[in-house]
Amino acid sequence: MSLDIALWLAYIVVEAAVVGMLIYRRVWRVLPVFCCYCAWDILSNVGAYVSKQYYPTSYFHVYFAATILDSVLQFCVLVELAWSVLRPVRSSLPRSSLAVVSALILAAGAAIWPFAAISGLAHVSRQALLLLQLQHAVSILRILFFLLLAGGSQLLSIGWRDRELQVATGLGFYSLANVAISMVQAHQSNGLQYIRLEQFVVVSFLVSLGYWLVCFSQKTAERREFTPQMQSFLLAVAGAAHSSRVALTESRAGKDNKPGRP
């Protein structure tokens, strides 16, 4: 059995164990999108392997479509984590708060996009370069999300036993390894070394899966309430955003109702 096949089998088995643990611990009640993402990741990897083995001419198209859907799901996972962190004050936030959180994460991704391009890869198609840039941008976004969550853990009243930080930590570690290896591969001319580095990416995700398996096997901590200062700050920000949106809507309505306007 080749190393690639052994790593792939280990990947599938460990991630299936993670999905089983998510179901057993009922994490899907708190983080349903993340649970769906883990299940999807298993199916996509099995599909990619089958396509590569039996339909090699269609492999890139399958991989391209799967990567785009994977990136969309990972964006949704980050939105879900951010929204879950705000659980203690969600009932007091405006209804548009989820859309605001999504827009902020999307804006961060758009700001990262120009810096996520990978140079130095010769004889690579434009489609492949765009795919690599998308993967790189999502990885950087996950790293920044983890750093923000870990750095603000005291203010957000979350710890390492909270599911949100556990998920973000696993994603952050894998993403950091992925970005570092991608930068090395961009300047790597030896095909065998390139493959070995790709195998290390799989190993890094196996480490993240093992970390999640250990974390999810333990009961989650009771969610702590935000400090009064943090609650006041979040509600003030949400109130200001709501007031701005209402003012903008009224301003547009006033312009539409001006005399002589068709």
C-alpha atoms as a PDB file:
ATOM      1  CA  MET A   1       0.000   0.000   0.000  1.00  0.00           C
ATOM      2  CA  SER A   2       1.391   3.394  -1.015  1.00  0.00           C
ATOM      3  CA  LEU A   3       1.789   6.255   1.455  1.00  0.00           C
ATOM      4  CA  ASP A   4      -0.829   8.300  -0.408  1.00  0.00           C
ATOM      5  CA  ILE A   5      -3.447   5.537  -0.054  1.00  0.00           C
ATOM      6  CA  ALA A   6      -2.561   4.995   3.615  1.00  0.00           C
ATOM      7  CA  LEU A   7      -2.926   8.707   4.385  1.00  0.00           C
ATOM      8  CA  TRP A   8      -6.199   8.879   2.469  1.00  0.00           C
ATOM      9  CA  LEU A   9      -7.643   5.903   4.360  1.00  0.00           C
ATOM     10  CA  ALA A  10      -6.492   7.328   7.701  1.00  0.00           C
ATOM     11  CA  TYR A  11      -8.054  10.676   6.745  1.00  0.00           C
ATOM     12  CA  ILE A  12     -11.425   9.079   5.959  1.00  0.00           C
ATOM     13  CA  VAL A  13     -11.451   6.873   9.072  1.00  0.00           C
ATOM     14  CA  VAL A  14     -10.481   9.653  11.494  1.00  0.00           C
ATOM     15  CA  GLU A  15     -12.903  12.162   9.996  1.00  0.00           C
ATOM     16  CA  ALA A  16     -15.696   9.566  10.112  1.00  0.00           C
ATOM     17  CA  ALA A  17     -14.860   9.115  13.801  1.00  0.00           C
ATOM     18  CA  VAL A  18     -15.080  12.896  14.261  1.00  0.00           C
ATOM     19  CA  VAL A  19     -18.496  12.976  12.581  1.00  0.00           C
ATOM     20  CA  GLY A  20     -19.642  10.124  14.811  1.00  0.00           C
ATOM     21  CA  MET A  21     -18.439  12.007  17.883  1.00  0.00           C
ATOM     22  CA  LEU A  22     -20.216  15.176  16.714  1.00  0.00           C
ATOM     23  CA  ILE A  23     -23.451  13.225  16.464  1.00  0.00           C
ATOM     24  CA  TYR A  24     -22.896  11.450  19.791  1.00  0.00           C
ATOM     25  CA  ARG A  25     -22.183  14.719  21.620  1.00  0.00           C
ATOM     26  CA  ARG A  26     -25.031  16.448  19.744  1.00  0.00           C
ATOM     27  CA  VAL A  27     -22.734  19.196  18.571  1.00  0.00           C
ATOM     28  CA  TRP A  28     -25.010  19.483  15.527  1.00  0.00           C
ATOM     29  CA  ARG A  29     -27.498  21.313  17.774  1.00  0.00           C
ATOM     30  CA  VAL A  30     -25.007  24.136  18.321  1.00  0.00           C
ATOM     31  CA  LEU A  31     -22.887  23.989  15.146  1.00  0.00           C
ATOM     32  CA  PRO A  32     -25.005  22.328  12.429  1.00  0.00           C
ATOM     33  CA  VAL A  33     -23.077  23.898   9.530  1.00  0.00           C
ATOM     34  CA  PHE A  34     -19.752  22.634  10.866  1.00  0.00           C
ATOM     35  CA  CYS A  35     -21.197  19.125  11.238  1.00  0.00           C
ATOM     36  CA  CYS A  36     -22.508  19.259   7.659  1.00  0.00           C
ATOM     37  CA  TYR A  37     -19.106  20.478   6.491  1.00  0.00           C
ATOM     38  CA  CYS A  38     -17.324  17.500   8.084  1.00  0.00           C
ATOM     39  CA  ALA A  39     -19.786  15.072   6.492  1.00  0.00           C
ATOM     40  CA  TRP A  40     -19.426  16.841   3.131  1.00  0.00           C
ATOM     41  CA  ASP A  41     -15.631  16.696   3.386  1.00  0.00           C
ATOM     42  CA  ILE A  42     -15.731  12.910   3.666  1.00  0.00           C
ATOM     43  CA  LEU A  43     -18.035  12.586   0.650  1.00  0.00           C
ATOM     44  CA  SER A  44     -16.008  15.046  -1.441  1.00  0.00           C
ATOM     45  CA  ASN A  45     -12.752  13.235  -0.728  1.00  0.00           C
ATOM     46  CA  VAL A  46     -14.262   9.867  -1.598  1.00  0.00           C
ATOM     47  CA  GLY A  47     -15.697  11.392  -4.785  1.00  0.00           C
ATOM     48  CA  ALA A  48     -12.365  12.986  -5.695  1.00  0.00           C
ATOM     49  CA  TYR A  49     -10.544   9.680  -5.187  1.00  0.00           C
ATOM     50  CA  VAL A  50     -13.043   7.758  -7.341  1.00  0.00           C
ATOM     51  CA  SER A  51     -12.846  10.428 -10.044  1.00  0.00           C
ATOM     52  CA  LYS A  52      -9.039  10.383 -10.031  1.00  0.00           C
ATOM     53  CA  GLN A  53      -8.867   6.590 -10.227  1.00  0.00           C
ATOM     54  CA  TYR A  54     -11.630   5.848 -12.723  1.00  0.00           C
ATOM     55  CA  TYR A  55     -12.331   9.140 -14.538  1.00  0.00           C
ATOM     56  CA  PRO A  56      -8.952  10.922 -14.681  1.00  0.00           C
ATOM     57  CA  THR A  57      -9.948  13.185 -17.576  1.00  0.00           C
ATOM     58  CA  SER A  58     -12.772  14.662 -15.484  1.00  0.00           C
ATOM     59  CA  TYR A  59     -10.794  14.884 -12.244  1.00  0.00           C
ATOM     60  CA  PHE A  60      -9.858  18.577 -12.496  1.00  0.00           C
ATOM     61  CA  HIS A  61     -13.440  19.659 -13.210  1.00  0.00           C
ATOM     62  CA  VAL A  62     -14.717  17.623 -10.255  1.00  0.00           C
ATOM     63  CA  TYR A  63     -11.958  19.003  -8.019  1.00  0.00           C
ATOM     64  CA  PHE A  64     -12.636  22.570  -9.219  1.00  0.00           C
ATOM     65  CA  ALA A  65     -16.370  22.394  -8.422  1.00  0.00           C
ATOM     66  CA  ALA A  66     -15.751  20.636  -5.091  1.00  0.00           C
ATOM     67  CA  THR A  67     -13.193  23.253  -4.031  1.00  0.00           C
ATOM     68  CA  ILE A  68     -15.566  26.135  -4.727  1.00  0.00           C
ATOM     69  CA  LEU A  69     -18.372  24.467  -2.752  1.00  0.00           C
ATOM     70  CA  ASP A  70     -15.874  23.624  -0.002  1.00  0.00           C
ATOM     71  CA  SER A  71     -14.827  27.292   0.232  1.00  0.00           C
ATOM     72  CA  VAL A  72     -18.456  28.418   0.454  1.00  0.00           C
ATOM     73  CA  LEU A  73     -19.113  25.927   3.253  1.00  0.00           C
ATOM     74  CA  GLN A  74     -16.001  27.046   5.129  1.00  0.00           C
ATOM     75  CA  PHE A  75     -17.187  30.650   4.891  1.00  0.00           C
ATOM     76  CA  CYS A  76     -20.531  29.526   6.345  1.00  0.00           C
ATOM     77  CA  VAL A  77     -18.671  27.701   9.151  1.00  0.00           C
ATOM     78  CA  LEU A  78     -16.850  30.919  10.102  1.00  0.00           C
ATOM     79  CA  VAL A  79     -20.130  32.857  10.096  1.00  0.00           C
ATOM     80  CA  GLU A  80     -21.704  30.153  12.265  1.00  0.00           C
ATOM     81  CA  LEU A  81     -18.798  30.248  14.736  1.00  0.00           C
ATOM     82  CA  ALA A  82     -18.943  34.037  15.000  1.00  0.00           C
ATOM     83  CA  TRP A  83     -22.717  33.952  15.470  1.00  0.00           C
ATOM     84  CA  SER A  84     -22.413  31.196  18.080  1.00  0.00           C
ATOM     85  CA  VAL A  85     -19.854  33.233  20.039  1.00  0.00           C
ATOM     86  CA  LEU A  86     -22.450  36.018  20.260  1.00  0.00           C
ATOM     87  CA  ARG A  87     -25.021  33.618  21.737  1.00  0.00           C
ATOM     88  CA  PRO A  88     -25.234  35.352  25.153  1.00  0.00           C
ATOM     89  CA  VAL A  89     -26.447  38.611  23.586  1.00  0.00           C
ATOM     90  CA  ARG A  90     -28.133  37.406  20.395  1.00  0.00           C
ATOM     91  CA  SER A  91     -31.641  37.926  21.746  1.00  0.00           C
ATOM     92  CA  SER A  92     -30.847  41.613  22.253  1.00  0.00           C
ATOM     93  CA  LEU A  93     -29.324  42.164  18.805  1.00  0.00           C
ATOM     94  CA  PRO A  94     -31.258  43.439  15.764  1.00  0.00           C
ATOM     95  CA  ARG A  95     -32.511  40.879  13.272  1.00  0.00           C
ATOM     96  CA  SER A  96     -29.983  42.082  10.714  1.00  0.00           C
ATOM     97  CA  SER A  97     -27.013  41.213  12.938  1.00  0.00           C
ATOM     98  CA  LEU A  98     -26.387  37.844  11.271  1.00  0.00           C
ATOM     99  CA  ALA A  99     -26.244  39.558   7.879  1.00  0.00           C
ATOM    100  CA  VAL A 100     -23.827  42.133   9.298  1.00  0.00           C
ATOM    101  CA  VAL A 101     -21.549  39.392  10.674  1.00  0.00           C
ATOM    102  CA  SER A 102     -21.621  37.625   7.293  1.00  0.00           C
ATOM    103  CA  ALA A 103     -20.826  40.866   5.477  1.00  0.00           C
ATOM    104  CA  LEU A 104     -17.874  41.610   7.759  1.00  0.00           C
ATOM    105  CA  ILE A 105     -16.336  38.161   7.202  1.00  0.00           C
ATOM    106  CA  LEU A 106     -16.968  38.443   3.459  1.00  0.00           C
ATOM    107  CA  ALA A 107     -15.328  41.878   3.416  1.00  0.00           C
ATOM    108  CA  ALA A 108     -12.304  40.455   5.237  1.00  0.00           C
ATOM    109  CA  GLY A 109     -12.066  37.721   2.601  1.00  0.00           C
ATOM    110  CA  ALA A 110     -12.281  40.294  -0.191  1.00  0.00           C
ATOM    111  CA  ALA A 111      -9.489  42.321   1.424  1.00  0.00           C
ATOM    112  CA  ILE A 112      -7.314  39.186   1.660  1.00  0.00           C
ATOM    113  CA  TRP A 113      -7.941  38.103  -1.952  1.00  0.00           C
ATOM    114  CA  PRO A 114      -5.314  40.322  -3.697  1.00  0.00           C
ATOM    115  CA  PHE A 115      -2.616  39.142  -1.284  1.00  0.00           C
ATOM    116  CA  ALA A 116      -3.489  35.447  -1.684  1.00  0.00           C
ATOM    117  CA  ALA A 117      -2.102  35.066  -5.197  1.00  0.00           C
ATOM    118  CA  ILE A 118       0.719  32.524  -5.432  1.00  0.00           C
ATOM    119  CA  SER A 119       3.581  33.427  -7.771  1.00  0.00           C
ATOM    120  CA  GLY A 120       6.424  31.268  -9.006  1.00  0.00           C
ATOM    121  CA  LEU A 121       4.320  28.396 -10.405  1.00  0.00           C
ATOM    122  CA  ALA A 122       5.295  27.779 -13.999  1.00  0.00           C
ATOM    123  CA  HIS A 123       3.179  25.944 -16.585  1.00  0.00           C
ATOM    124  CA  VAL A 124       0.029  26.227 -14.461  1.00  0.00           C
ATOM    125  CA  SER A 125      -3.297  27.095 -16.088  1.00  0.00           C
ATOM    126  CA  ARG A 126      -5.222  30.224 -15.148  1.00  0.00           C
ATOM    127  CA  GLN A 127      -8.029  28.110 -13.698  1.00  0.00           C
ATOM    128  CA  ALA A 128      -5.588  26.247 -11.468  1.00  0.00           C
ATOM    129  CA  LEU A 129      -4.005  29.513 -10.305  1.00  0.00           C
ATOM    130  CA  LEU A 130      -7.430  30.935  -9.415  1.00  0.00           C
ATOM    131  CA  LEU A 131      -8.220  27.748  -7.518  1.00  0.00           C
ATOM    132  CA  LEU A 132      -4.959  27.987  -5.576  1.00  0.00           C
ATOM    133  CA  GLN A 133      -5.629  31.658  -4.831  1.00  0.00           C
ATOM    134  CA  LEU A 134      -9.102  30.805  -3.537  1.00  0.00           C
ATOM    135  CA  GLN A 135      -7.724  28.065  -1.274  1.00  0.00           C
ATOM    136  CA  HIS A 136      -4.965  30.369  -0.046  1.00  0.00           C
ATOM    137  CA  ALA A 137      -7.411  33.215   0.678  1.00  0.00           C
ATOM    138  CA  VAL A 138      -9.751  30.930   2.645  1.00  0.00           C
ATOM    139  CA  SER A 139      -6.795  29.557   4.629  1.00  0.00           C
ATOM    140  CA  ILE A 140      -5.594  33.064   5.538  1.00  0.00           C
ATOM    141  CA  LEU A 141      -9.138  34.021   6.518  1.00  0.00           C
ATOM    142  CA  ARG A 142      -9.353  30.998   8.837  1.00  0.00           C
ATOM    143  CA  ILE A 143      -5.999  31.909  10.422  1.00  0.00           C
ATOM    144  CA  LEU A 144      -7.088  35.499  11.059  1.00  0.00           C
ATOM    145  CA  PHE A 145     -10.419  34.305  12.454  1.00  0.00           C
ATOM    146  CA  PHE A 146      -8.637  31.976  14.877  1.00  0.00           C
ATOM    147  CA  LEU A 147      -6.198  34.706  15.983  1.00  0.00           C
ATOM    148  CA  LEU A 148      -9.075  37.134  16.528  1.00  0.00           C
ATOM    149  CA  LEU A 149     -11.081  34.579  18.499  1.00  0.00           C
ATOM    150  CA  ALA A 150      -8.124  33.411  20.599  1.00  0.00           C
ATOM    151  CA  GLY A 151      -6.841  36.948  21.177  1.00  0.00           C
ATOM    152  CA  GLY A 152     -10.274  38.183  22.241  1.00  0.00           C
ATOM    153  CA  SER A 153     -11.206  35.098  24.256  1.00  0.00           C
ATOM    154  CA  GLN A 154     -11.205  36.994  27.551  1.00  0.00           C
ATOM    155  CA  LEU A 155     -13.461  39.740  26.215  1.00  0.00           C
ATOM    156  CA  LEU A 156     -15.723  37.190  24.524  1.00  0.00           C
ATOM    157  CA  SER A 157     -15.836  34.986  27.650  1.00  0.00           C
ATOM    158  CA  ILE A 158     -14.794  31.826  25.830  1.00  0.00           C
ATOM    159  CA  GLY A 159     -12.071  29.316  26.652  1.00  0.00           C
ATOM    160  CA  TRP A 160     -10.396  26.251  25.201  1.00  0.00           C
ATOM    161  CA  ARG A 161     -13.282  24.054  26.385  1.00  0.00           C
ATOM    162  CA  ASP A 162     -15.798  26.006  24.296  1.00  0.00           C
ATOM    163  CA  ARG A 163     -16.695  24.368  20.987  1.00  0.00           C
ATOM    164  CA  GLU A 164     -16.252  27.574  18.996  1.00  0.00           C
ATOM    165  CA  LEU A 165     -12.613  28.012  19.982  1.00  0.00           C
ATOM    166  CA  GLN A 166     -11.919  24.279  19.590  1.00  0.00           C
ATOM    167  CA  VAL A 167     -13.192  24.312  16.007  1.00  0.00           C
ATOM    168  CA  ALA A 168     -11.346  27.550  15.204  1.00  0.00           C
ATOM    169  CA  THR A 169      -8.104  26.142  16.660  1.00  0.00           C
ATOM    170  CA  GLY A 170      -8.234  23.035  14.473  1.00  0.00           C
ATOM    171  CA  LEU A 171      -8.984  25.099  11.382  1.00  0.00           C
ATOM    172  CA  GLY A 172      -6.284  27.617  12.278  1.00  0.00           C
ATOM    173  CA  PHE A 173      -3.551  24.991  12.727  1.00  0.00           C
ATOM    174  CA  TYR A 174      -4.380  23.237   9.458  1.00  0.00           C
ATOM    175  CA  SER A 175      -4.609  26.534   7.601  1.00  0.00           C
ATOM    176  CA  LEU A 176      -1.263  27.745   8.925  1.00  0.00           C
ATOM    177  CA  ALA A 177       0.414  24.536   7.742  1.00  0.00           C
ATOM    178  CA  ASN A 178      -1.376  24.774   4.394  1.00  0.00           C
ATOM    179  CA  VAL A 179      -0.259  28.364   3.755  1.00  0.00           C
ATOM    180  CA  ALA A 180       3.331  27.656   4.789  1.00  0.00           C
ATOM    181  CA  ILE A 181       3.558  24.578   2.570  1.00  0.00           C
ATOM    182  CA  SER A 182       1.958  26.396  -0.394  1.00  0.00           C
ATOM    183  CA  MET A 183       4.642  29.084  -0.174  1.00  0.00           C
ATOM    184  CA  VAL A 184       7.376  26.433  -0.174  1.00  0.00           C
ATOM    185  CA  GLN A 185       5.761  24.548  -3.061  1.00  0.00           C
ATOM    186  CA  ALA A 186       5.644  27.719  -5.163  1.00  0.00           C
ATOM    187  CA  HIS A 187       9.460  27.686  -5.242  1.00  0.00           C
ATOM    188  CA  GLN A 188       9.799  23.906  -5.502  1.00  0.00           C
ATOM    189  CA  SER A 189      10.935  22.454  -8.828  1.00  0.00           C
ATOM    190  CA  ASN A 190      11.387  18.839  -7.701  1.00  0.00           C
ATOM    191  CA  GLY A 191       8.182  16.897  -8.344  1.00  0.00           C
ATOM    192  CA  LEU A 192       8.851  14.289  -5.661  1.00  0.00           C
ATOM    193  CA  GLN A 193       9.451  16.937  -2.993  1.00  0.00           C
ATOM    194  CA  TYR A 194       6.246  18.689  -4.085  1.00  0.00           C
ATOM    195  CA  ILE A 195       4.297  15.447  -3.516  1.00  0.00           C
ATOM    196  CA  ARG A 196       5.941  14.921  -0.117  1.00  0.00           C
ATOM    197  CA  LEU A 197       4.914  18.415   0.939  1.00  0.00           C
ATOM    198  CA  GLU A 198       1.354  17.712  -0.230  1.00  0.00           C
ATOM    199  CA  GLN A 199       1.350  14.642   1.995  1.00  0.00           C
ATOM    200  CA  PHE A 200       2.410  16.814   4.907  1.00  0.00           C
ATOM    201  CA  VAL A 201      -0.720  18.945   4.317  1.00  0.00           C
ATOM    202  CA  VAL A 202      -2.818  15.796   4.786  1.00  0.00           C
ATOM    203  CA  VAL A 203      -0.877  14.956   7.959  1.00  0.00           C
ATOM    204  CA  SER A 204      -1.536  18.456   9.353  1.00  0.00           C
ATOM    205  CA  PHE A 205      -5.276  18.020   8.822  1.00  0.00           C
ATOM    206  CA  LEU A 206      -5.086  14.589  10.445  1.00  0.00           C
ATOM    207  CA  VAL A 207      -3.577  16.323  13.486  1.00  0.00           C
ATOM    208  CA  SER A 208      -6.501  18.776  13.508  1.00  0.00           C
ATOM    209  CA  LEU A 209      -8.982  15.902  13.212  1.00  0.00           C
ATOM    210  CA  GLY A 210      -7.268  14.101  16.100  1.00  0.00           C
ATOM    211  CA  TYR A 211      -7.454  17.288  18.171  1.00  0.00           C
ATOM    212  CA  TRP A 212     -11.172  17.620  17.438  1.00  0.00           C
ATOM    213  CA  LEU A 213     -11.745  13.963  18.289  1.00  0.00           C
ATOM    214  CA  VAL A 214     -10.161  14.485  21.713  1.00  0.00           C
ATOM    215  CA  CYS A 215     -12.003  17.772  22.309  1.00  0.00           C
ATOM    216  CA  PHE A 216     -15.420  16.505  21.231  1.00  0.00           C
ATOM    217  CA  SER A 217     -15.056  13.379  23.357  1.00  0.00           C
ATOM    218  CA  GLN A 218     -15.260  15.678  26.379  1.00  0.00           C
ATOM    219  CA  LYS A 219     -18.310  17.549  27.545  1.00  0.00           C
ATOM    220  CA  THR A 220     -18.477  21.181  26.591  1.00  0.00           C
ATOM    221  CA  ALA A 221     -18.153  23.879  29.215  1.00  0.00           C
ATOM    222  CA  GLU A 222     -21.144  25.950  30.242  1.00  0.00           C
ATOM    223  CA  ARG A 223     -21.290  29.084  28.109  1.00  0.00           C
ATOM    224  CA  ARG A 224     -20.297  32.098  30.176  1.00  0.00           C
ATOM    225  CA  GLU A 225     -22.087  35.408  29.907  1.00  0.00           C
ATOM    226  CA  PHE A 226     -20.282  38.441  28.534  1.00  0.00           C
ATOM    227  CA  THR A 227     -19.027  41.003  30.979  1.00  0.00           C
ATOM    228  CA  PRO A 228     -21.403  43.986  31.429  1.00  0.00           C
ATOM    229  CA  GLN A 229     -18.870  46.198  29.650  1.00  0.00           C
ATOM    230  CA  MET A 230     -18.714  43.858  26.653  1.00  0.00           C
ATOM    231  CA  GLN A 231     -22.485  43.545  26.512  1.00  0.00           C
ATOM    232  CA  SER A 232     -22.863  47.321  26.535  1.00  0.00           C
ATOM    233  CA  PHE A 233     -20.247  47.684  23.793  1.00  0.00           C
ATOM    234  CA  LEU A 234     -21.837  45.086  21.489  1.00  0.00           C
ATOM    235  CA  LEU A 235     -25.327  46.467  21.986  1.00  0.00           C
ATOM    236  CA  ALA A 236     -24.069  50.001  21.364  1.00  0.00           C
ATOM    237  CA  VAL A 237     -22.395  48.921  18.111  1.00  0.00           C
ATOM    238  CA  ALA A 238     -25.499  47.015  17.022  1.00  0.00           C
ATOM    239  CA  GLY A 239     -27.705  49.992  17.910  1.00  0.00           C
ATOM    240  CA  ALA A 240     -25.510  52.403  15.955  1.00  0.00           C
ATOM    241  CA  ALA A 241     -25.530  50.122  12.919  1.00  0.00           C
ATOM    242  CA  HIS A 242     -29.319  49.773  13.138  1.00  0.00           C
ATOM    243  CA  SER A 243     -29.794  53.545  13.431  1.00  0.00           C
ATOM    244  CA  SER A 244     -27.544  54.149  10.422  1.00  0.00           C
ATOM    245  CA  ARG A 245     -29.492  51.635   8.351  1.00  0.00           C
ATOM    246  CA  VAL A 246     -32.832  53.211   9.326  1.00  0.00           C
ATOM    247  CA  ALA A 247     -31.532  56.706   8.550  1.00  0.00           C
ATOM    248  CA  LEU A 248     -30.282  55.569   5.141  1.00  0.00           C
ATOM    249  CA  THR A 249     -33.619  53.926   4.359  1.00  0.00           C
ATOM    250  CA  GLU A 250     -35.553  57.062   5.356  1.00  0.00           C
ATOM    251  CA  SER A 251     -33.203  59.238   3.323  1.00  0.00           C
ATOM    252  CA  ARG A 252     -33.782  57.140   0.211  1.00  0.00           C
ATOM    253  CA  ALA A 253     -37.534  57.153   0.816  1.00  0.00           C
ATOM    254  CA  GLY A 254     -37.463  60.948   1.154  1.00  0.00           C
ATOM    255  CA  LYS A 255     -35.673  61.329  -2.174  1.00  0.00           C
ATOM    256  CA  ASP A 256     -38.158  59.043  -3.903  1.00  0.00           C
ATOM    257  CA  ASN A 257     -41.098  61.086  -2.566  1.00  0.00           C
ATOM    258  CA  LYS A 258     -39.774  64.501  -3.694  1.00  0.00           C
ATOM    259  CA  PRO A 259     -42.247  66.497  -5.888  1.00  0.00           C
ATOM    260  CA  GLY A 260     -41.653  66.122  -9.608  1.00  0.00           C
ATOM    261  CA  ARG A 261     -39.865  62.816  -9.238  1.00  0.00           C
ATOM    262  CA  PRO A 262     -41.309  60.272 -11.668  1.00  0.00           C
END
